[in-house]
């Protein structure tokens, strides 16, 4: 069901791109904006793992350095029939974790020092299972496609805005496009299309978190370790601001980090409310190992 919802959302983003392009720029504008977005997000897709790990100060660790982490990761990766990701540690007191990489063969999982110190074995297993689920569900690939389409819509809207400022965009259109109704429609499209693309992209990100929670609980065989981990992570990340993670990396984390004293409305958060995630996990009761 969640795969169908994700596919429907990506189709909706693509349709929105076509509608915006047809309304504002025609086929030429679509090609330019889409080409730019594919190039930009293609670079991000192939190098996003290195960028995220470098920006967070993550350091690779060996089995000898962190045998507890390796034991959990290798056991769950084997259970999920996945290659063991590369493991990294972030010298950060705020507990958190994220997975990155374009596919299971190029995956990495980074955890903060604070997370390792805070979690008991069941909770650590729940967190690692959640991150492995992002790898298993190809969430990085899905997010890259959504980001490509959303960026194309935003770029096209910017092109149309500047085109209108400097004498009209798509000058060969029918006369009614130059009328008051057509101009008003174009202005509304320029303003609303990027907002709609952003909201759909955020909805996809939230859907990914619910799916990773469910898949992770299924991987472990019960949701209670992850429930306890999310409760701890939520409490500690409300009090301990992160010093290593960046906002772009924070979108990958298992819970939303606290960046300084500022806050962002939950309407535009990449993470669903923790209480909703915990309620969904409680509704799973006991799930079978697979």
C-alpha atoms as a PDB file:
ATOM      1  CA  UNK A   1       0.000   0.000   0.000  1.00  0.00           C
ATOM      2  CA  UNK A   2       2.773   2.446   0.926  1.00  0.00           C
ATOM      3  CA  UNK A   3       4.597   1.660  -2.352  1.00  0.00           C
ATOM      4  CA  UNK A   4       1.407   2.480  -4.258  1.00  0.00           C
ATOM      5  CA  UNK A   5       1.019   5.753  -2.339  1.00  0.00           C
ATOM      6  CA  UNK A   6       4.623   6.715  -3.086  1.00  0.00           C
ATOM      7  CA  UNK A   7       4.199   5.890  -6.772  1.00  0.00           C
ATOM      8  CA  UNK A   8       0.980   7.904  -6.938  1.00  0.00           C
ATOM      9  CA  UNK A   9       2.721  10.869  -5.336  1.00  0.00           C
ATOM     10  CA  UNK A  10       5.583  10.770  -7.843  1.00  0.00           C
ATOM     11  CA  UNK A  11       3.054  10.628 -10.692  1.00  0.00           C
ATOM     12  CA  UNK A  12       1.227  13.596  -9.171  1.00  0.00           C
ATOM     13  CA  UNK A  13       4.483  15.572  -9.031  1.00  0.00           C
ATOM     14  CA  UNK A  14       5.148  14.743 -12.684  1.00  0.00           C
ATOM     15  CA  UNK A  15       1.639  15.806 -13.697  1.00  0.00           C
ATOM     16  CA  UNK A  16       2.086  19.050 -11.765  1.00  0.00           C
ATOM     17  CA  UNK A  17       5.316  19.662 -13.672  1.00  0.00           C
ATOM     18  CA  UNK A  18       3.561  19.176 -17.015  1.00  0.00           C
ATOM     19  CA  UNK A  19       0.662  21.446 -15.994  1.00  0.00           C
ATOM     20  CA  UNK A  20       2.997  24.203 -14.809  1.00  0.00           C
ATOM     21  CA  UNK A  21       5.135  23.920 -17.917  1.00  0.00           C
ATOM     22  CA  UNK A  22       2.154  23.979 -20.236  1.00  0.00           C
ATOM     23  CA  UNK A  23       0.666  26.985 -18.464  1.00  0.00           C
ATOM     24  CA  UNK A  24       3.837  29.064 -18.219  1.00  0.00           C
ATOM     25  CA  UNK A  25       6.587  28.013 -20.562  1.00  0.00           C
ATOM     26  CA  UNK A  26       5.440  25.405 -23.005  1.00  0.00           C
ATOM     27  CA  UNK A  27       7.592  22.453 -24.109  1.00  0.00           C
ATOM     28  CA  UNK A  28      10.792  24.492 -24.304  1.00  0.00           C
ATOM     29  CA  UNK A  29      10.525  25.682 -20.725  1.00  0.00           C
ATOM     30  CA  UNK A  30       9.825  22.160 -19.504  1.00  0.00           C
ATOM     31  CA  UNK A  31      12.943  20.829 -21.232  1.00  0.00           C
ATOM     32  CA  UNK A  32      15.165  23.573 -19.829  1.00  0.00           C
ATOM     33  CA  UNK A  33      13.899  23.325 -16.246  1.00  0.00           C
ATOM     34  CA  UNK A  34      13.807  19.526 -16.221  1.00  0.00           C
ATOM     35  CA  UNK A  35      17.299  19.291 -17.719  1.00  0.00           C
ATOM     36  CA  UNK A  36      18.664  21.650 -15.067  1.00  0.00           C
ATOM     37  CA  UNK A  37      16.910  19.774 -12.256  1.00  0.00           C
ATOM     38  CA  UNK A  38      18.089  16.352 -13.467  1.00  0.00           C
ATOM     39  CA  UNK A  39      21.680  17.583 -13.677  1.00  0.00           C
ATOM     40  CA  UNK A  40      21.546  19.185 -10.216  1.00  0.00           C
ATOM     41  CA  UNK A  41      19.866  16.251  -8.530  1.00  0.00           C
ATOM     42  CA  UNK A  42      21.945  13.701 -10.435  1.00  0.00           C
ATOM     43  CA  UNK A  43      25.060  15.182  -8.872  1.00  0.00           C
ATOM     44  CA  UNK A  44      23.331  15.214  -5.498  1.00  0.00           C
ATOM     45  CA  UNK A  45      22.161  11.615  -5.953  1.00  0.00           C
ATOM     46  CA  UNK A  46      25.591  10.187  -6.733  1.00  0.00           C
ATOM     47  CA  UNK A  47      27.464  12.258  -4.144  1.00  0.00           C
ATOM     48  CA  UNK A  48      24.811  12.858  -1.462  1.00  0.00           C
ATOM     49  CA  UNK A  49      26.261  10.208   0.845  1.00  0.00           C
ATOM     50  CA  UNK A  50      29.731  11.777   0.791  1.00  0.00           C
ATOM     51  CA  UNK A  51      28.267  15.253   1.277  1.00  0.00           C
ATOM     52  CA  UNK A  52      26.093  14.160   4.229  1.00  0.00           C
ATOM     53  CA  UNK A  53      28.893  12.244   5.942  1.00  0.00           C
ATOM     54  CA  UNK A  54      31.448  15.009   5.422  1.00  0.00           C
ATOM     55  CA  UNK A  55      29.140  17.815   6.554  1.00  0.00           C
ATOM     56  CA  UNK A  56      28.238  15.950   9.756  1.00  0.00           C
ATOM     57  CA  UNK A  57      31.850  15.163  10.641  1.00  0.00           C
ATOM     58  CA  UNK A  58      31.155  11.420  10.545  1.00  0.00           C
ATOM     59  CA  UNK A  59      34.179   9.158  10.967  1.00  0.00           C
ATOM     60  CA  UNK A  60      34.371   5.531   9.765  1.00  0.00           C
ATOM     61  CA  UNK A  61      34.634   2.936  12.505  1.00  0.00           C
ATOM     62  CA  UNK A  62      35.827  -0.660  12.525  1.00  0.00           C
ATOM     63  CA  UNK A  63      34.407  -3.728  14.203  1.00  0.00           C
ATOM     64  CA  UNK A  64      37.223  -3.597  16.736  1.00  0.00           C
ATOM     65  CA  UNK A  65      36.290  -0.026  17.703  1.00  0.00           C
ATOM     66  CA  UNK A  66      32.520  -0.580  18.024  1.00  0.00           C
ATOM     67  CA  UNK A  67      31.783  -4.314  18.261  1.00  0.00           C
ATOM     68  CA  UNK A  68      28.325  -3.680  19.752  1.00  0.00           C
ATOM     69  CA  UNK A  69      27.209  -1.597  16.781  1.00  0.00           C
ATOM     70  CA  UNK A  70      28.684  -4.009  14.244  1.00  0.00           C
ATOM     71  CA  UNK A  71      27.030  -7.003  15.890  1.00  0.00           C
ATOM     72  CA  UNK A  72      23.578  -5.428  15.661  1.00  0.00           C
ATOM     73  CA  UNK A  73      24.105  -4.178  12.113  1.00  0.00           C
ATOM     74  CA  UNK A  74      25.469  -7.437  10.738  1.00  0.00           C
ATOM     75  CA  UNK A  75      22.683  -9.502  12.338  1.00  0.00           C
ATOM     76  CA  UNK A  76      19.913  -7.296  10.966  1.00  0.00           C
ATOM     77  CA  UNK A  77      21.518  -6.924   7.529  1.00  0.00           C
ATOM     78  CA  UNK A  78      21.743 -10.700   7.248  1.00  0.00           C
ATOM     79  CA  UNK A  79      18.102 -11.051   8.328  1.00  0.00           C
ATOM     80  CA  UNK A  80      17.041  -8.494   5.692  1.00  0.00           C
ATOM     81  CA  UNK A  81      19.304 -10.102   3.051  1.00  0.00           C
ATOM     82  CA  UNK A  82      21.212  -6.831   2.595  1.00  0.00           C
ATOM     83  CA  UNK A  83      24.935  -6.063   2.355  1.00  0.00           C
ATOM     84  CA  UNK A  84      26.285  -4.648   5.605  1.00  0.00           C
ATOM     85  CA  UNK A  85      26.464  -0.855   5.189  1.00  0.00           C
ATOM     86  CA  UNK A  86      29.580   1.110   6.034  1.00  0.00           C
ATOM     87  CA  UNK A  87      29.351   2.375   9.607  1.00  0.00           C
ATOM     88  CA  UNK A  88      30.242   5.850  10.858  1.00  0.00           C
ATOM     89  CA  UNK A  89      30.281   7.608  14.210  1.00  0.00           C
ATOM     90  CA  UNK A  90      29.491  11.315  14.669  1.00  0.00           C
ATOM     91  CA  UNK A  91      31.123  13.017  17.686  1.00  0.00           C
ATOM     92  CA  UNK A  92      27.853  14.583  18.787  1.00  0.00           C
ATOM     93  CA  UNK A  93      26.084  14.555  22.160  1.00  0.00           C
ATOM     94  CA  UNK A  94      22.575  14.842  20.684  1.00  0.00           C
ATOM     95  CA  UNK A  95      21.356  11.289  19.950  1.00  0.00           C
ATOM     96  CA  UNK A  96      20.468  10.633  16.319  1.00  0.00           C
ATOM     97  CA  UNK A  97      21.194   8.454  13.300  1.00  0.00           C
ATOM     98  CA  UNK A  98      20.781   8.519   9.538  1.00  0.00           C
ATOM     99  CA  UNK A  99      21.279   6.298   6.502  1.00  0.00           C
ATOM    100  CA  UNK A 100      22.513   7.483   3.134  1.00  0.00           C
ATOM    101  CA  UNK A 101      23.548   6.005  -0.190  1.00  0.00           C
ATOM    102  CA  UNK A 102      21.838   5.501  -3.520  1.00  0.00           C
ATOM    103  CA  UNK A 103      21.279   1.729  -3.138  1.00  0.00           C
ATOM    104  CA  UNK A 104      22.041  -1.146  -0.728  1.00  0.00           C
ATOM    105  CA  UNK A 105      25.451  -1.711  -2.340  1.00  0.00           C
ATOM    106  CA  UNK A 106      26.498   1.894  -1.629  1.00  0.00           C
ATOM    107  CA  UNK A 107      24.796   2.437   1.729  1.00  0.00           C
ATOM    108  CA  UNK A 108      26.234   3.996   4.868  1.00  0.00           C
ATOM    109  CA  UNK A 109      24.740   4.373   8.339  1.00  0.00           C
ATOM    110  CA  UNK A 110      25.968   7.042  10.765  1.00  0.00           C
ATOM    111  CA  UNK A 111      25.090   7.247  14.458  1.00  0.00           C
ATOM    112  CA  UNK A 112      26.023   9.879  17.007  1.00  0.00           C
ATOM    113  CA  UNK A 113      28.058   9.174  20.098  1.00  0.00           C
ATOM    114  CA  UNK A 114      25.097  10.333  22.147  1.00  0.00           C
ATOM    115  CA  UNK A 115      22.856   7.681  20.616  1.00  0.00           C
ATOM    116  CA  UNK A 116      25.248   4.854  21.462  1.00  0.00           C
ATOM    117  CA  UNK A 117      25.500   6.058  25.059  1.00  0.00           C
ATOM    118  CA  UNK A 118      21.735   6.480  25.467  1.00  0.00           C
ATOM    119  CA  UNK A 119      20.275   3.361  23.838  1.00  0.00           C
ATOM    120  CA  UNK A 120      20.045  -0.068  25.415  1.00  0.00           C
ATOM    121  CA  UNK A 121      20.438  -3.101  23.155  1.00  0.00           C
ATOM    122  CA  UNK A 122      16.750  -3.398  22.188  1.00  0.00           C
ATOM    123  CA  UNK A 123      16.512   0.325  21.425  1.00  0.00           C
ATOM    124  CA  UNK A 124      19.721   0.305  19.381  1.00  0.00           C
ATOM    125  CA  UNK A 125      18.367  -2.646  17.412  1.00  0.00           C
ATOM    126  CA  UNK A 126      15.172  -0.703  16.693  1.00  0.00           C
ATOM    127  CA  UNK A 127      17.093   2.352  15.474  1.00  0.00           C
ATOM    128  CA  UNK A 128      19.407   0.319  13.233  1.00  0.00           C
ATOM    129  CA  UNK A 129      16.445  -1.625  11.810  1.00  0.00           C
ATOM    130  CA  UNK A 130      14.751   1.698  10.961  1.00  0.00           C
ATOM    131  CA  UNK A 131      17.845   2.933   9.121  1.00  0.00           C
ATOM    132  CA  UNK A 132      18.305  -0.382   7.292  1.00  0.00           C
ATOM    133  CA  UNK A 133      14.671  -0.098   6.226  1.00  0.00           C
ATOM    134  CA  UNK A 134      15.451   3.175   4.442  1.00  0.00           C
ATOM    135  CA  UNK A 135      18.150   1.291   2.557  1.00  0.00           C
ATOM    136  CA  UNK A 136      15.895  -1.672   1.842  1.00  0.00           C
ATOM    137  CA  UNK A 137      13.038   0.548   0.650  1.00  0.00           C
ATOM    138  CA  UNK A 138      15.309   2.525  -1.733  1.00  0.00           C
ATOM    139  CA  UNK A 139      14.222   5.739  -0.046  1.00  0.00           C
ATOM    140  CA  UNK A 140      17.221   7.707  -1.309  1.00  0.00           C
ATOM    141  CA  UNK A 141      16.263   6.845  -4.895  1.00  0.00           C
ATOM    142  CA  UNK A 142      12.624   7.799  -4.319  1.00  0.00           C
ATOM    143  CA  UNK A 143      13.587  11.072  -2.657  1.00  0.00           C
ATOM    144  CA  UNK A 144      15.947  11.938  -5.503  1.00  0.00           C
ATOM    145  CA  UNK A 145      13.187  11.466  -8.094  1.00  0.00           C
ATOM    146  CA  UNK A 146      10.795  13.608  -6.064  1.00  0.00           C
ATOM    147  CA  UNK A 147      13.458  16.280  -5.557  1.00  0.00           C
ATOM    148  CA  UNK A 148      14.201  16.313  -9.281  1.00  0.00           C
ATOM    149  CA  UNK A 149      10.591  16.950 -10.233  1.00  0.00           C
ATOM    150  CA  UNK A 150      10.028  19.480  -7.437  1.00  0.00           C
ATOM    151  CA  UNK A 151      13.197  21.382  -8.400  1.00  0.00           C
ATOM    152  CA  UNK A 152      12.096  21.426 -12.034  1.00  0.00           C
ATOM    153  CA  UNK A 153       8.746  22.943 -11.043  1.00  0.00           C
ATOM    154  CA  UNK A 154      10.437  25.578  -8.894  1.00  0.00           C
ATOM    155  CA  UNK A 155      12.956  26.432 -11.625  1.00  0.00           C
ATOM    156  CA  UNK A 156      10.201  26.712 -14.205  1.00  0.00           C
ATOM    157  CA  UNK A 157       8.225  29.053 -11.947  1.00  0.00           C
ATOM    158  CA  UNK A 158      11.300  31.260 -11.500  1.00  0.00           C
ATOM    159  CA  UNK A 159      11.844  31.352 -15.261  1.00  0.00           C
ATOM    160  CA  UNK A 160       8.232  32.345 -15.801  1.00  0.00           C
ATOM    161  CA  UNK A 161       8.454  35.075 -13.155  1.00  0.00           C
ATOM    162  CA  UNK A 162      11.480  36.678 -14.779  1.00  0.00           C
ATOM    163  CA  UNK A 163       9.922  36.213 -18.209  1.00  0.00           C
ATOM    164  CA  UNK A 164       6.858  38.175 -17.117  1.00  0.00           C
ATOM    165  CA  UNK A 165       9.023  40.908 -15.610  1.00  0.00           C
ATOM    166  CA  UNK A 166      10.943  41.343 -18.848  1.00  0.00           C
ATOM    167  CA  UNK A 167       8.019  41.467 -21.217  1.00  0.00           C
ATOM    168  CA  UNK A 168       6.128  38.212 -21.065  1.00  0.00           C
ATOM    169  CA  UNK A 169       6.947  34.553 -21.023  1.00  0.00           C
ATOM    170  CA  UNK A 170       6.018  32.419 -24.035  1.00  0.00           C
ATOM    171  CA  UNK A 171       5.279  35.403 -26.244  1.00  0.00           C
ATOM    172  CA  UNK A 172       3.794  33.361 -29.077  1.00  0.00           C
ATOM    173  CA  UNK A 173       0.682  32.339 -27.150  1.00  0.00           C
ATOM    174  CA  UNK A 174      -2.922  33.116 -27.948  1.00  0.00           C
ATOM    175  CA  UNK A 175      -4.207  36.589 -27.188  1.00  0.00           C
ATOM    176  CA  UNK A 176      -6.271  35.440 -24.241  1.00  0.00           C
ATOM    177  CA  UNK A 177      -3.042  34.509 -22.484  1.00  0.00           C
ATOM    178  CA  UNK A 178      -2.230  38.224 -22.472  1.00  0.00           C
ATOM    179  CA  UNK A 179      -5.547  39.171 -20.974  1.00  0.00           C
ATOM    180  CA  UNK A 180      -6.281  39.879 -17.328  1.00  0.00           C
ATOM    181  CA  UNK A 181      -7.544  36.378 -16.630  1.00  0.00           C
ATOM    182  CA  UNK A 182      -4.530  34.736 -18.247  1.00  0.00           C
ATOM    183  CA  UNK A 183      -2.070  37.006 -16.435  1.00  0.00           C
ATOM    184  CA  UNK A 184      -3.760  36.389 -13.088  1.00  0.00           C
ATOM    185  CA  UNK A 185      -3.725  32.641 -13.675  1.00  0.00           C
ATOM    186  CA  UNK A 186      -0.036  32.743 -14.583  1.00  0.00           C
ATOM    187  CA  UNK A 187       0.806  34.722 -11.442  1.00  0.00           C
ATOM    188  CA  UNK A 188      -1.124  32.300  -9.251  1.00  0.00           C
ATOM    189  CA  UNK A 189       0.638  29.364 -10.916  1.00  0.00           C
ATOM    190  CA  UNK A 190       4.065  30.956 -10.334  1.00  0.00           C
ATOM    191  CA  UNK A 191       3.283  31.420  -6.627  1.00  0.00           C
ATOM    192  CA  UNK A 192       1.360  28.249  -5.859  1.00  0.00           C
ATOM    193  CA  UNK A 193       3.150  25.628  -7.969  1.00  0.00           C
ATOM    194  CA  UNK A 194       6.442  25.645  -5.984  1.00  0.00           C
ATOM    195  CA  UNK A 195       4.485  25.577  -2.710  1.00  0.00           C
ATOM    196  CA  UNK A 196       2.460  22.595  -3.921  1.00  0.00           C
ATOM    197  CA  UNK A 197       5.636  20.800  -5.040  1.00  0.00           C
ATOM    198  CA  UNK A 198       7.265  21.445  -1.653  1.00  0.00           C
ATOM    199  CA  UNK A 199       4.235  20.189   0.283  1.00  0.00           C
ATOM    200  CA  UNK A 200       4.063  17.021  -1.805  1.00  0.00           C
ATOM    201  CA  UNK A 201       7.778  16.437  -1.320  1.00  0.00           C
ATOM    202  CA  UNK A 202       7.434  16.877   2.450  1.00  0.00           C
ATOM    203  CA  UNK A 203       4.488  14.481   2.445  1.00  0.00           C
ATOM    204  CA  UNK A 204       6.660  11.910   0.682  1.00  0.00           C
ATOM    205  CA  UNK A 205       9.395  12.372   3.301  1.00  0.00           C
ATOM    206  CA  UNK A 206       6.888  11.785   6.111  1.00  0.00           C
ATOM    207  CA  UNK A 207       5.532   8.719   4.347  1.00  0.00           C
ATOM    208  CA  UNK A 208       9.073   7.330   4.164  1.00  0.00           C
ATOM    209  CA  UNK A 209       9.455   7.645   7.940  1.00  0.00           C
ATOM    210  CA  UNK A 210       6.242   5.749   8.646  1.00  0.00           C
ATOM    211  CA  UNK A 211       7.261   3.039   6.158  1.00  0.00           C
ATOM    212  CA  UNK A 212      10.743   2.713   7.701  1.00  0.00           C
ATOM    213  CA  UNK A 213       9.220   2.407  11.183  1.00  0.00           C
ATOM    214  CA  UNK A 214       6.908  -0.366  10.038  1.00  0.00           C
ATOM    215  CA  UNK A 215       9.577  -2.218   8.033  1.00  0.00           C
ATOM    216  CA  UNK A 216      12.069  -1.878  10.893  1.00  0.00           C
ATOM    217  CA  UNK A 217       9.643  -3.293  13.449  1.00  0.00           C
ATOM    218  CA  UNK A 218       8.866  -6.144  11.078  1.00  0.00           C
ATOM    219  CA  UNK A 219      12.590  -6.791  10.612  1.00  0.00           C
ATOM    220  CA  UNK A 220      13.179  -7.048  14.364  1.00  0.00           C
ATOM    221  CA  UNK A 221       9.986  -8.960  15.097  1.00  0.00           C
ATOM    222  CA  UNK A 222       8.448  -6.461  17.530  1.00  0.00           C
ATOM    223  CA  UNK A 223       8.007  -2.661  17.689  1.00  0.00           C
ATOM    224  CA  UNK A 224       8.768  -2.055  21.362  1.00  0.00           C
ATOM    225  CA  UNK A 225      12.509  -1.372  21.083  1.00  0.00           C
ATOM    226  CA  UNK A 226      11.885   1.256  18.402  1.00  0.00           C
ATOM    227  CA  UNK A 227       9.015   2.772  20.395  1.00  0.00           C
ATOM    228  CA  UNK A 228      11.267   3.198  23.438  1.00  0.00           C
ATOM    229  CA  UNK A 229      14.073   4.578  21.243  1.00  0.00           C
ATOM    230  CA  UNK A 230      11.769   7.165  19.646  1.00  0.00           C
ATOM    231  CA  UNK A 231      10.535   8.271  23.061  1.00  0.00           C
ATOM    232  CA  UNK A 232      14.090   8.807  24.274  1.00  0.00           C
ATOM    233  CA  UNK A 233      15.184  10.461  21.028  1.00  0.00           C
ATOM    234  CA  UNK A 234      12.261  12.861  21.115  1.00  0.00           C
ATOM    235  CA  UNK A 235      12.907  13.886  24.715  1.00  0.00           C
ATOM    236  CA  UNK A 236      16.657  14.383  24.339  1.00  0.00           C
ATOM    237  CA  UNK A 237      16.499  16.182  20.973  1.00  0.00           C
ATOM    238  CA  UNK A 238      14.159  18.758  22.466  1.00  0.00           C
ATOM    239  CA  UNK A 239      16.861  19.684  24.976  1.00  0.00           C
ATOM    240  CA  UNK A 240      20.223  19.129  23.277  1.00  0.00           C
ATOM    241  CA  UNK A 241      20.893  21.282  20.184  1.00  0.00           C
ATOM    242  CA  UNK A 242      22.976  19.581  17.519  1.00  0.00           C
ATOM    243  CA  UNK A 243      26.381  21.060  16.719  1.00  0.00           C
ATOM    244  CA  UNK A 244      27.420  18.687  13.931  1.00  0.00           C
ATOM    245  CA  UNK A 245      24.345  18.102  11.775  1.00  0.00           C
ATOM    246  CA  UNK A 246      23.210  20.511   9.086  1.00  0.00           C
ATOM    247  CA  UNK A 247      19.550  21.160   8.138  1.00  0.00           C
ATOM    248  CA  UNK A 248      19.998  19.237   4.887  1.00  0.00           C
ATOM    249  CA  UNK A 249      21.411  16.264   6.795  1.00  0.00           C
ATOM    250  CA  UNK A 250      18.798  16.638   9.521  1.00  0.00           C
ATOM    251  CA  UNK A 251      16.111  15.674   7.004  1.00  0.00           C
ATOM    252  CA  UNK A 252      17.737  12.219   6.827  1.00  0.00           C
ATOM    253  CA  UNK A 253      17.788  11.642  10.592  1.00  0.00           C
ATOM    254  CA  UNK A 254      15.498   9.254  12.446  1.00  0.00           C
ATOM    255  CA  UNK A 255      14.113  12.219  14.438  1.00  0.00           C
ATOM    256  CA  UNK A 256      14.229  15.929  13.701  1.00  0.00           C
ATOM    257  CA  UNK A 257      17.313  17.481  15.333  1.00  0.00           C
ATOM    258  CA  UNK A 258      17.174  20.702  17.322  1.00  0.00           C
ATOM    259  CA  UNK A 259      19.129  23.424  15.526  1.00  0.00           C
ATOM    260  CA  UNK A 260      19.954  26.147  18.044  1.00  0.00           C
ATOM    261  CA  UNK A 261      16.960  27.914  19.557  1.00  0.00           C
ATOM    262  CA  UNK A 262      14.975  28.229  16.353  1.00  0.00           C
ATOM    263  CA  UNK A 263      12.018  26.048  15.441  1.00  0.00           C
ATOM    264  CA  UNK A 264      10.167  25.280  12.251  1.00  0.00           C
ATOM    265  CA  UNK A 265       6.447  24.776  12.011  1.00  0.00           C
ATOM    266  CA  UNK A 266       5.470  21.120  11.930  1.00  0.00           C
ATOM    267  CA  UNK A 267       3.513  21.929   8.765  1.00  0.00           C
ATOM    268  CA  UNK A 268       6.835  22.179   6.891  1.00  0.00           C
ATOM    269  CA  UNK A 269       8.696  19.494   8.828  1.00  0.00           C
ATOM    270  CA  UNK A 270      10.257  16.577   6.988  1.00  0.00           C
ATOM    271  CA  UNK A 271       9.353  14.336   9.959  1.00  0.00           C
ATOM    272  CA  UNK A 272       5.866  13.351  11.115  1.00  0.00           C
ATOM    273  CA  UNK A 273       5.015  14.000  14.790  1.00  0.00           C
ATOM    274  CA  UNK A 274       6.699  11.453  17.050  1.00  0.00           C
ATOM    275  CA  UNK A 275       3.467  10.741  18.907  1.00  0.00           C
ATOM    276  CA  UNK A 276       1.843   9.720  15.605  1.00  0.00           C
ATOM    277  CA  UNK A 277       4.750   7.434  14.718  1.00  0.00           C
ATOM    278  CA  UNK A 278       4.652   5.818  18.147  1.00  0.00           C
ATOM    279  CA  UNK A 279       0.875   5.354  17.932  1.00  0.00           C
ATOM    280  CA  UNK A 280       1.272   3.636  14.554  1.00  0.00           C
ATOM    281  CA  UNK A 281       3.918   1.312  15.982  1.00  0.00           C
ATOM    282  CA  UNK A 282       1.758   0.474  19.003  1.00  0.00           C
ATOM    283  CA  UNK A 283      -1.020  -0.478  16.597  1.00  0.00           C
ATOM    284  CA  UNK A 284       1.236  -3.097  15.016  1.00  0.00           C
ATOM    285  CA  UNK A 285       1.360  -5.170  18.237  1.00  0.00           C
ATOM    286  CA  UNK A 286       3.673  -8.144  17.621  1.00  0.00           C
ATOM    287  CA  UNK A 287       4.857  -8.792  14.076  1.00  0.00           C
ATOM    288  CA  UNK A 288       6.537 -11.930  12.762  1.00  0.00           C
ATOM    289  CA  UNK A 289      10.234 -12.108  12.021  1.00  0.00           C
ATOM    290  CA  UNK A 290      11.012 -12.281   8.337  1.00  0.00           C
END
